[in-house]
Structures are given as structure tokens and as C-alpha cells.
Amino acid sequence: MAVTEKDTPAGAASVASAAEAVVPAASRAERFSGFDVEAFEVPSGREENWRFTPMKRLRGLHDGSAVATGELKVDADAAPEVRVETVARDDSRLGEAGVPSDRVAAQAYSSFGTATVVTVPKETVASKPTVIRLTGPGEGNTAYGHVQVRAEAFSKATVVLDHIGSGTYADNVEFVMGDGAQLTVLSVQDWADDAVHVSEQHLRLGRDAKLKHFVITLGGDLVRVSPTATFADTGGDVEMLGLHFADVGQHQEHRLFVDHAVPHCKSNVVYKGALQGEGAHSVWIGDVLIRAAAEATETFELNRNLVLTTGARADSVPNLEIETGEITGAGHASATGRFDDEQLFYLQSRGIAEEQARRLVVRGFFHEILMKIEVPEVRERLETAIEEELQAVGV
């Protein structure tokens, strides 16, 4: 299905205005000031939110020197009930889910030409997953983009954002969920080895909305994905799941922020990563803020990393800030380690060769995440990719 061109729809401004009335944040003027690149200093790498990122490998995305020299190719295979549009950058719906939090995101917002908007109409149940395939601008080229997924009230759908190809790319991705909507999102970063991708993702849930958000990172030279979840009203439920596999020289960074600003909402975060090869580096930062007004919040975040070879490094930093004692539950956990010798011994004692035993341990490590992926094609593709990674290092 080709992406259709469309002007800003009539009534979109009133929809945005109504949404802003319940956003526990800034006014419209303050919201759009967040898109000003010059409002952010050029990061040096010493700042807390940049200290793990190899700045020289960003290819100028952070300092304004990365000028767009190519275009992102967008192809859509949408469910018949779902509408996919290409809109101008002045479409009033854009920016509704949140504002850029750093200079790269602001640069991406100020630099994209057209945006892709995916809409699941009110009270609609999509009959199949909608796949948006985003192909990089090509080796040596830079592009900026913007995608917004809108799940209107009481709708239900699955959307796959599949990133492939080469080049340098920065974008903002929005998920705007109406009251009672149910949305499953799979953001797959399966780039070529030369690619650099920096993405800020904004998740905004309406009353009683449920979002299952996957971030799956396999390829690329440097990939940094930063999802932020906010709740516009009570009863929201977000599950943020991640799977990543870093190979020789790859830098994979995932920075999450869950902002509980309203009462009676839930969040659950589970990210798992494996690393192998010299210079493989993964970074996971999980921040959860429970504000004073967010009574009866229930939240938990978990990160697990499995280091398969020497020369690989995993950094994991969970943070939990609680401003009220009236919560249902809150917690966080993080662990990084090598193979479990007891598991290997158990399998080998039953006649399984060591190499096969190690592969079984890795598959078991990822099993919890893989089994939650309800799109068979994506799950099988990931299982194949993991097996290929293990074969490459002889695990």
C-alpha cells in the first residue's frame, strides 16, 4: 500500500486543542518552544544524558553539522481499517504526544520535510498488523523523519515500525492513544552495519488506554532509542519491553522515562540484552517518576544483560523517584552477568554438548520477551537473527 498525500485535515486543530487541555504539562506556546534547536546547548558528552554515548560516532547529529543529504523511504502495508497519510510538517496534530528533550530530537523535528501519520479510527479493531517499513537514506547520507501513530478511542491495533538500510537518521516518533484504546507497537531497528539512528519516542496514553511497546535492536553502528511514557488521564497501562543484541563494535543505547503524573496508572518495564565481541557496548537507563498526585500507582522495571564474550560491556542504571507514599507498588531491578554455570552443568549432565547448551541458555534468556511478540513473522525473524549471531561467535 502506498502512503497517500494529504493536507492538514479540517478539525485537527480542535482535536489538538482538546488534547492539550488534559496534558499535565505546558501550554501550547511552551510545547512548541521545545522544538527550538537553539533552546538546547550542544552536548559535549559530559552531560548525564550523554555520558555513555560516543559523541564522535553521531556524525554531527548533535551539533547541527549533519545536513540532510538524502531521503528516508517509507512503505506501508496497512490493515484495511487503518489510514496512513503523508502530511506536511505544519499539520497541527504533530507534536501532540510530547516535545523533544534534547538537541538531537529538536534538530530532527526542525529538519524533517513530511511526516507519516498512521490512524486507527475510533472503535475499530484492525484485522491484521500494519507494517511501516522505513529504509535509510543510504551509506554516507543523512535524513530526518517523523512518524505519528494515533489510536483513537476504543480502537485496537498492532503497528510494526521496521527500520532497515544504511545511512544516518534521526527522528521523533509519537504514539497518541485515545480513551480505552489498545495498541501494540514493535519498533524494530535492524539496520545495516554502517547505520546511525537516534530516535526519541513519545508515548501518551488516554484514560484506561493500554499500550504494549516493544523496542527490538539488532543492527547498526550506533543506535540510541529514548521512549518517554506519559499519562493524560487515570487508568492508563503501559508495558515497555525490549530485546537487543550487540555485536563487535556496536553501541546500543536505550533510555526510558515513565512519568506517572496522574493516579491509578500502571507501568511495567522489561528489557533484556545480550552482548558479544570486542567493543560491543549496551546502555540501558530506566527512569520512573511517581509524582505527588499519582496515588495508587503500580510500577516495576527490570533490566537483564547477558555478556557472552570478553571485550563486551553493559551499563545498566535503573532510577525510581517517588513523591507520594500512597502507591500500590513500585520497584526496580538490574543485573549483568555471564553464563550461569549451574544451568550449563545441568544441561551437560543430560548429554547436551557444551556449545548446544550455551545456545539453549541464550534462547531461554530471551524467551520471556519473544513469547510476548504476537506477530509470528517478527518473532521468527528475531529467532533467526539471534541464532545467526550465536553462530557467528561460535556460542
Protein backbone atom coordinates (compact mmCIF):
# COMPACT_ATOMS: atom_id res chain seq x y z
CA MET A 1 0.00 0.00 0.00
CA ALA A 2 1.42 3.36 -0.98
CA VAL A 3 1.43 6.18 1.54
CA THR A 4 -1.11 8.81 0.50
CA GLU A 5 -0.56 12.55 0.43
CA LYS A 6 -2.98 14.62 2.44
CA ASP A 7 -3.24 18.19 3.69
CA THR A 8 -3.95 19.01 7.31
CA PRO A 9 -7.49 17.72 7.95
CA ALA A 10 -10.30 20.01 8.97
CA GLY A 11 -10.91 19.88 12.68
CA ALA A 12 -7.41 18.66 13.51
CA ALA A 13 -6.66 21.88 15.38
CA SER A 14 -9.71 21.41 17.61
CA VAL A 15 -8.64 17.83 18.33
CA ALA A 16 -5.16 19.00 19.32
CA SER A 17 -6.60 21.77 21.49
CA ALA A 18 -8.88 19.32 23.29
CA ALA A 19 -5.94 17.03 23.90
CA GLU A 20 -3.82 19.85 25.28
CA ALA A 21 -6.49 20.62 27.84
CA VAL A 22 -5.74 17.36 29.66
CA VAL A 23 -1.97 17.19 29.17
CA PRO A 24 -0.33 17.56 32.62
CA ALA A 25 2.39 19.73 31.14
CA ALA A 26 2.96 23.05 29.44
CA SER A 27 0.79 25.41 27.44
CA ARG A 28 0.71 25.21 23.65
CA ALA A 29 3.27 28.01 23.37
CA GLU A 30 5.63 26.29 25.79
CA ARG A 31 5.08 23.00 23.99
CA PHE A 32 6.25 24.31 20.67
CA SER A 33 9.19 26.16 22.22
CA GLY A 34 10.56 22.67 22.90
CA PHE A 35 11.12 22.28 19.14
CA ASP A 36 13.63 25.15 19.06
CA VAL A 37 17.07 23.68 18.43
CA GLU A 38 18.84 26.67 19.97
CA ALA A 39 16.97 26.09 23.25
CA PHE A 40 19.39 23.19 23.81
CA GLU A 41 23.13 23.55 24.21
CA VAL A 42 25.38 21.42 22.03
CA PRO A 43 26.14 18.36 24.18
CA SER A 44 29.78 17.65 24.93
CA GLY A 45 29.36 14.11 26.22
CA ARG A 46 29.88 15.13 29.84
CA GLU A 47 26.17 15.68 30.48
CA GLU A 48 24.33 12.97 32.38
CA ASN A 49 22.09 12.04 29.45
CA TRP A 50 25.02 11.85 27.03
CA ARG A 51 27.85 10.45 29.14
CA PHE A 52 27.57 6.93 27.73
CA THR A 53 27.16 7.96 24.10
CA PRO A 54 30.25 8.05 21.81
CA MET A 55 29.68 11.57 20.50
CA LYS A 56 32.10 11.34 17.58
CA ARG A 57 30.07 8.50 16.14
CA LEU A 58 26.90 10.64 15.96
CA ARG A 59 28.16 12.13 12.66
CA GLY A 60 27.11 15.64 13.60
CA LEU A 61 23.52 14.90 14.60
CA HIS A 62 24.15 16.63 17.94
CA ASP A 63 25.82 19.85 16.80
CA GLY A 64 23.86 20.81 13.69
CA SER A 65 26.56 19.89 11.18
CA ALA A 66 24.61 16.89 9.87
CA VAL A 67 22.67 18.40 6.99
CA ALA A 68 20.04 16.27 5.28
CA THR A 69 21.55 14.87 2.09
CA GLY A 70 19.10 12.06 1.40
CA GLU A 71 15.57 10.91 2.00
CA LEU A 72 14.01 8.17 4.06
CA LYS A 73 11.93 5.74 2.00
CA VAL A 74 8.59 4.89 3.64
CA ASP A 75 6.48 1.92 2.55
CA ALA A 76 3.24 0.90 4.23
CA ASP A 77 1.41 -2.40 4.36
CA ALA A 78 -1.61 -1.32 6.35
CA ALA A 79 -4.64 -3.15 7.66
CA PRO A 80 -7.69 -2.18 5.57
CA GLU A 81 -9.22 -0.43 8.57
CA VAL A 82 -6.13 1.72 9.19
CA ARG A 83 -5.39 5.03 7.45
CA VAL A 84 -1.81 6.01 6.51
CA GLU A 85 -1.08 9.57 5.38
CA THR A 86 1.89 11.68 4.39
CA VAL A 87 1.38 15.15 5.86
CA ALA A 88 3.19 18.48 5.82
CA ARG A 89 5.26 19.47 8.83
CA ASP A 90 2.71 22.14 9.79
CA ASP A 91 -0.02 19.53 10.42
CA SER A 92 -1.46 20.59 13.79
CA ARG A 93 -1.58 17.01 15.08
CA LEU A 94 2.20 16.69 15.10
CA GLY A 95 3.85 17.22 18.47
CA GLU A 96 0.73 16.26 20.41
CA ALA A 97 2.39 13.38 22.29
CA GLY A 98 5.38 15.31 23.61
CA VAL A 99 8.26 17.67 22.94
CA PRO A 100 11.93 16.91 22.20
CA SER A 101 14.02 16.53 25.33
CA ASP A 102 17.45 17.02 23.76
CA ARG A 103 19.17 18.80 20.90
CA VAL A 104 19.19 15.82 18.51
CA ALA A 105 15.43 15.35 18.86
CA ALA A 106 14.88 19.09 18.39
CA GLN A 107 17.13 19.05 15.32
CA ALA A 108 15.14 16.13 13.92
CA TYR A 109 11.86 17.96 14.50
CA SER A 110 13.08 21.14 12.82
CA SER A 111 14.58 19.29 9.83
CA PHE A 112 12.05 16.73 8.56
CA GLY A 113 10.10 17.54 5.41
CA THR A 114 6.97 15.40 5.63
CA ALA A 115 5.63 13.11 8.34
CA THR A 116 3.86 9.75 8.25
CA VAL A 117 0.65 9.61 10.28
CA VAL A 118 -0.99 6.24 11.00
CA THR A 119 -4.55 6.44 12.31
CA VAL A 120 -6.67 3.67 13.80
CA PRO A 121 -10.23 5.07 13.72
CA LYS A 122 -12.48 5.19 16.75
CA GLU A 123 -13.92 1.83 17.89
CA THR A 124 -12.05 -0.01 15.12
CA VAL A 125 -10.36 -3.38 15.54
CA ALA A 126 -7.64 -3.83 12.92
CA SER A 127 -7.80 -7.19 11.14
CA LYS A 128 -4.02 -7.52 10.72
CA PRO A 129 -0.81 -5.75 11.79
CA THR A 130 0.10 -2.55 10.00
CA VAL A 131 3.74 -2.56 8.90
CA ILE A 132 5.57 0.70 8.18
CA ARG A 133 8.96 -0.03 6.62
CA LEU A 134 11.48 2.80 6.88
CA THR A 135 14.59 2.43 4.69
CA GLY A 136 17.61 4.60 5.44
CA PRO A 137 18.91 7.28 3.06
CA GLY A 138 21.92 5.19 2.02
CA GLU A 139 25.54 4.99 3.07
CA GLY A 140 27.10 8.43 3.52
CA ASN A 141 23.73 10.22 3.56
CA THR A 142 21.71 11.80 6.37
CA ALA A 143 17.93 12.06 6.77
CA TYR A 144 15.43 13.26 9.36
CA GLY A 145 11.94 11.89 9.86
CA HIS A 146 8.75 11.94 11.89
CA VAL A 147 6.12 9.24 12.48
CA GLN A 148 2.92 9.54 14.47
CA VAL A 149 0.61 6.63 15.35
CA ARG A 150 -2.88 7.61 16.51
CA ALA A 151 -5.11 5.03 18.19
CA GLU A 152 -8.48 6.72 18.60
CA ALA A 153 -10.90 5.95 21.42
CA PHE A 154 -11.68 2.24 21.98
CA SER A 155 -9.70 1.11 18.95
CA LYS A 156 -7.36 -1.90 18.86
CA ALA A 157 -4.39 -2.47 16.56
CA THR A 158 -0.82 -3.68 16.10
CA VAL A 159 1.75 -1.47 14.35
CA VAL A 160 5.28 -2.51 13.30
CA LEU A 161 7.91 0.15 12.56
CA ASP A 162 10.65 -1.70 10.67
CA HIS A 163 13.93 0.23 10.26
CA ILE A 164 16.35 -1.15 7.66
CA GLY A 165 19.08 0.00 5.30
CA SER A 166 22.09 2.30 5.62
CA GLY A 167 22.86 5.90 6.47
CA THR A 168 22.44 8.39 9.31
CA TYR A 169 18.95 9.02 10.61
CA ALA A 170 17.29 10.93 13.47
CA ASP A 171 13.59 11.10 14.18
CA ASN A 172 10.74 11.67 16.60
CA VAL A 173 8.02 9.02 16.89
CA GLU A 174 4.68 9.70 18.57
CA PHE A 175 2.02 7.37 19.90
CA VAL A 176 -1.20 9.19 20.74
CA MET A 177 -3.80 6.95 22.40
CA GLY A 178 -7.41 7.85 22.99
CA ASP A 179 -9.54 6.70 25.89
CA GLY A 180 -9.86 2.93 26.10
CA ALA A 181 -7.58 2.31 23.11
CA GLN A 182 -5.40 -0.80 22.93
CA LEU A 183 -2.21 -0.65 20.91
CA THR A 184 0.74 -2.98 20.39
CA VAL A 185 3.83 -1.41 18.83
CA LEU A 186 7.02 -3.11 17.64
CA SER A 187 9.87 -0.74 16.82
CA VAL A 188 12.50 -2.88 15.07
CA GLN A 189 16.00 -1.46 14.47
CA ASP A 190 17.54 -3.96 12.02
CA TRP A 191 19.93 -1.55 10.32
CA ALA A 192 22.96 -2.32 8.18
CA ASP A 193 26.33 -2.27 9.94
CA ASP A 194 27.13 1.34 8.95
CA ALA A 195 23.88 2.94 10.17
CA VAL A 196 23.48 5.53 12.92
CA HIS A 197 19.98 6.02 14.32
CA VAL A 198 18.92 8.36 17.14
CA SER A 199 15.22 8.21 17.96
CA GLU A 200 13.07 9.88 20.59
CA GLN A 201 9.70 8.17 21.07
CA HIS A 202 6.77 9.82 22.85
CA LEU A 203 4.03 7.60 24.32
CA ARG A 204 0.88 9.37 25.52
CA LEU A 205 -1.97 7.32 26.99
CA GLY A 206 -5.56 8.44 27.45
CA ARG A 207 -7.97 7.24 30.11
CA ASP A 208 -7.91 3.43 30.52
CA ALA A 209 -5.67 3.07 27.45
CA LYS A 210 -3.35 0.07 27.20
CA LEU A 211 -0.06 0.15 25.30
CA LYS A 212 2.40 -2.69 24.75
CA HIS A 213 5.58 -1.11 23.38
CA PHE A 214 8.48 -3.22 22.08
CA VAL A 215 11.92 -1.90 21.14
CA ILE A 216 14.00 -4.51 19.29
CA THR A 217 17.55 -3.52 18.34
CA LEU A 218 19.82 -5.79 16.30
CA GLY A 219 21.80 -3.85 13.70
CA GLY A 220 23.54 -0.55 13.19
CA ASP A 221 26.85 1.00 14.20
CA LEU A 222 25.19 3.25 16.81
CA VAL A 223 21.53 3.08 17.82
CA ARG A 224 20.04 5.22 20.59
CA VAL A 225 16.30 4.95 21.31
CA SER A 226 14.66 7.04 24.05
CA PRO A 227 10.98 6.25 24.81
CA THR A 228 9.04 8.51 27.20
CA ALA A 229 5.63 7.44 28.52
CA THR A 230 3.11 9.91 29.94
CA PHE A 231 -0.47 9.51 31.14
CA ALA A 232 -3.15 12.03 30.16
CA ASP A 233 -5.77 10.53 32.49
CA THR A 234 -6.36 7.78 35.01
CA GLY A 235 -6.36 4.04 34.31
CA GLY A 236 -3.53 4.00 31.77
CA ASP A 237 -1.44 0.83 31.49
CA VAL A 238 1.88 0.72 29.63
CA GLU A 239 4.14 -2.30 29.18
CA MET A 240 7.56 -1.43 27.77
CA LEU A 241 9.54 -4.41 26.51
CA GLY A 242 12.95 -4.53 24.89
CA LEU A 243 15.31 -7.01 23.26
CA HIS A 244 18.75 -6.11 21.95
CA PHE A 245 21.81 -8.00 20.75
CA ALA A 246 25.08 -6.04 20.41
CA ASP A 247 27.90 -7.40 18.28
CA VAL A 248 31.51 -6.38 17.67
CA GLY A 249 31.89 -2.59 17.90
CA GLN A 250 28.15 -1.87 18.11
CA HIS A 251 26.79 0.73 20.52
CA GLN A 252 23.15 0.20 21.52
CA GLU A 253 21.59 2.64 23.96
CA HIS A 254 18.05 2.59 25.35
CA ARG A 255 16.87 5.38 27.65
CA LEU A 256 13.38 5.09 29.13
CA PHE A 257 11.36 7.57 31.17
CA VAL A 258 7.94 6.81 32.65
CA ASP A 259 6.21 9.89 34.07
CA HIS A 260 3.40 8.99 36.47
CA ALA A 261 1.63 12.32 36.94
CA VAL A 262 -1.95 11.09 37.43
CA PRO A 263 -3.37 8.46 39.81
CA HIS A 264 -4.37 4.82 39.19
CA CYS A 265 -1.96 4.04 36.35
CA LYS A 266 0.37 1.10 35.76
CA SER A 267 3.74 0.64 34.08
CA ASN A 268 5.90 -2.43 33.65
CA VAL A 269 9.33 -2.38 32.01
CA VAL A 270 11.33 -5.47 30.99
CA TYR A 271 14.44 -5.09 28.79
CA LYS A 272 16.89 -7.89 28.03
CA GLY A 273 20.12 -7.68 26.08
CA ALA A 274 22.99 -9.90 25.01
CA LEU A 275 26.48 -8.78 24.00
CA GLN A 276 29.40 -10.41 22.25
CA GLY A 277 32.64 -9.37 20.63
CA GLU A 278 35.29 -6.73 21.21
CA GLY A 279 33.85 -3.27 21.74
CA ALA A 280 30.21 -4.34 21.92
CA HIS A 281 28.51 -1.88 24.28
CA SER A 282 24.94 -1.65 25.52
CA VAL A 283 23.46 1.05 27.72
CA TRP A 284 20.11 0.88 29.49
CA ILE A 285 18.78 3.77 31.55
CA GLY A 286 15.38 3.32 33.18
CA ASP A 287 13.83 6.34 34.92
CA VAL A 288 10.44 6.22 36.64
CA LEU A 289 8.96 9.27 38.35
CA ILE A 290 5.88 8.97 40.56
CA ARG A 291 4.62 12.49 41.21
CA ALA A 292 2.77 13.59 44.34
CA ALA A 293 -0.61 13.46 42.58
CA ALA A 294 -0.08 9.93 41.24
CA GLU A 295 -1.66 7.94 44.03
CA ALA A 296 -2.35 4.20 43.61
CA THR A 297 0.45 3.90 41.02
CA GLU A 298 1.78 0.43 40.28
CA THR A 299 5.17 0.21 38.56
CA PHE A 300 8.18 -2.07 38.15
CA GLU A 301 11.23 -2.00 35.90
CA LEU A 302 13.68 -4.79 35.15
CA ASN A 303 16.85 -4.96 33.05
CA ARG A 304 18.93 -8.09 32.43
CA ASN A 305 22.13 -8.32 30.37
CA LEU A 306 24.00 -11.44 29.30
CA VAL A 307 27.67 -10.94 28.36
CA LEU A 308 28.75 -13.76 26.06
CA THR A 309 32.43 -12.92 25.42
CA THR A 310 35.26 -10.86 26.80
CA GLY A 311 35.63 -7.32 25.47
CA ALA A 312 31.90 -6.54 25.71
CA ARG A 313 30.42 -4.08 28.21
CA ALA A 314 26.91 -3.43 29.53
CA ASP A 315 25.89 -0.36 31.55
CA SER A 316 22.56 -0.53 33.38
CA VAL A 317 21.13 2.26 35.55
CA PRO A 318 17.59 1.95 36.99
CA ASN A 319 16.19 5.00 38.77
CA LEU A 320 12.96 5.31 40.76
CA GLU A 321 11.75 8.59 42.28
CA ILE A 322 8.63 8.56 44.46
CA GLU A 323 6.96 11.75 45.67
CA THR A 324 3.95 10.13 47.40
CA GLY A 325 3.55 7.30 49.88
CA GLU A 326 0.10 6.39 48.56
CA ILE A 327 1.15 3.87 45.92
CA THR A 328 0.13 0.29 45.17
CA GLY A 329 3.67 -0.87 44.48
CA ALA A 330 6.98 0.19 42.98
CA GLY A 331 10.31 -1.48 42.39
CA HIS A 332 13.26 -1.92 40.10
CA ALA A 333 16.00 -4.46 39.43
CA SER A 334 19.06 -4.75 37.22
CA ALA A 335 21.68 -7.44 36.66
CA THR A 336 24.54 -8.10 34.27
CA GLY A 337 26.44 -11.36 34.13
CA ARG A 338 27.90 -14.21 32.11
CA PHE A 339 26.56 -17.71 31.55
CA ASP A 340 25.06 -19.44 34.56
CA ASP A 341 27.47 -22.31 35.24
CA GLU A 342 24.77 -24.26 37.06
CA GLN A 343 22.47 -24.14 34.05
CA LEU A 344 25.29 -25.27 31.77
CA PHE A 345 26.22 -28.10 34.13
CA TYR A 346 22.57 -29.22 34.34
CA LEU A 347 22.25 -29.40 30.54
CA GLN A 348 25.64 -31.05 30.01
CA SER A 349 24.89 -33.65 32.66
CA ARG A 350 22.00 -34.75 30.47
CA GLY A 351 24.18 -35.37 27.45
CA ILE A 352 23.88 -31.99 25.75
CA ALA A 353 27.14 -30.73 24.22
CA GLU A 354 28.54 -27.53 25.72
CA GLU A 355 28.06 -25.46 22.54
CA GLN A 356 24.41 -26.50 22.24
CA ALA A 357 23.90 -25.97 25.97
CA ARG A 358 25.13 -22.39 25.70
CA ARG A 359 22.72 -21.70 22.83
CA LEU A 360 19.83 -23.10 24.83
CA VAL A 361 20.72 -20.81 27.74
CA VAL A 362 20.68 -17.74 25.45
CA ARG A 363 17.37 -18.77 23.87
CA GLY A 364 15.92 -19.27 27.32
CA PHE A 365 17.20 -15.85 28.36
CA PHE A 366 15.22 -14.15 25.57
CA HIS A 367 12.20 -16.47 25.73
CA GLU A 368 10.15 -14.19 28.01
CA ILE A 369 10.29 -11.33 25.52
CA LEU A 370 9.96 -13.39 22.34
CA MET A 371 6.81 -15.16 23.53
CA LYS A 372 5.09 -11.81 24.07
CA ILE A 373 5.57 -10.86 20.41
CA GLU A 374 2.25 -11.80 18.82
CA VAL A 375 3.31 -11.14 15.22
CA PRO A 376 4.67 -14.52 14.02
CA GLU A 377 6.73 -13.07 11.17
CA VAL A 378 8.57 -10.70 13.53
CA ARG A 379 9.10 -13.33 16.22
CA GLU A 380 10.51 -15.86 13.73
CA ARG A 381 12.74 -13.20 12.19
CA LEU A 382 14.18 -12.36 15.61
CA GLU A 383 14.74 -16.01 16.48
CA THR A 384 16.64 -16.45 13.23
CA ALA A 385 18.71 -13.31 13.83
CA ILE A 386 19.65 -14.44 17.34
CA GLU A 387 20.69 -17.84 16.02
CA GLU A 388 22.86 -16.20 13.36
CA GLU A 389 24.53 -14.02 15.99
CA LEU A 390 25.31 -17.06 18.11
CA GLN A 391 26.73 -18.95 15.15
CA ALA A 392 28.97 -16.01 14.28
CA VAL A 393 30.75 -16.17 17.63
CA GLY A 394 30.62 -19.95 17.99
CA VAL A 395 28.31 -19.98 21.01
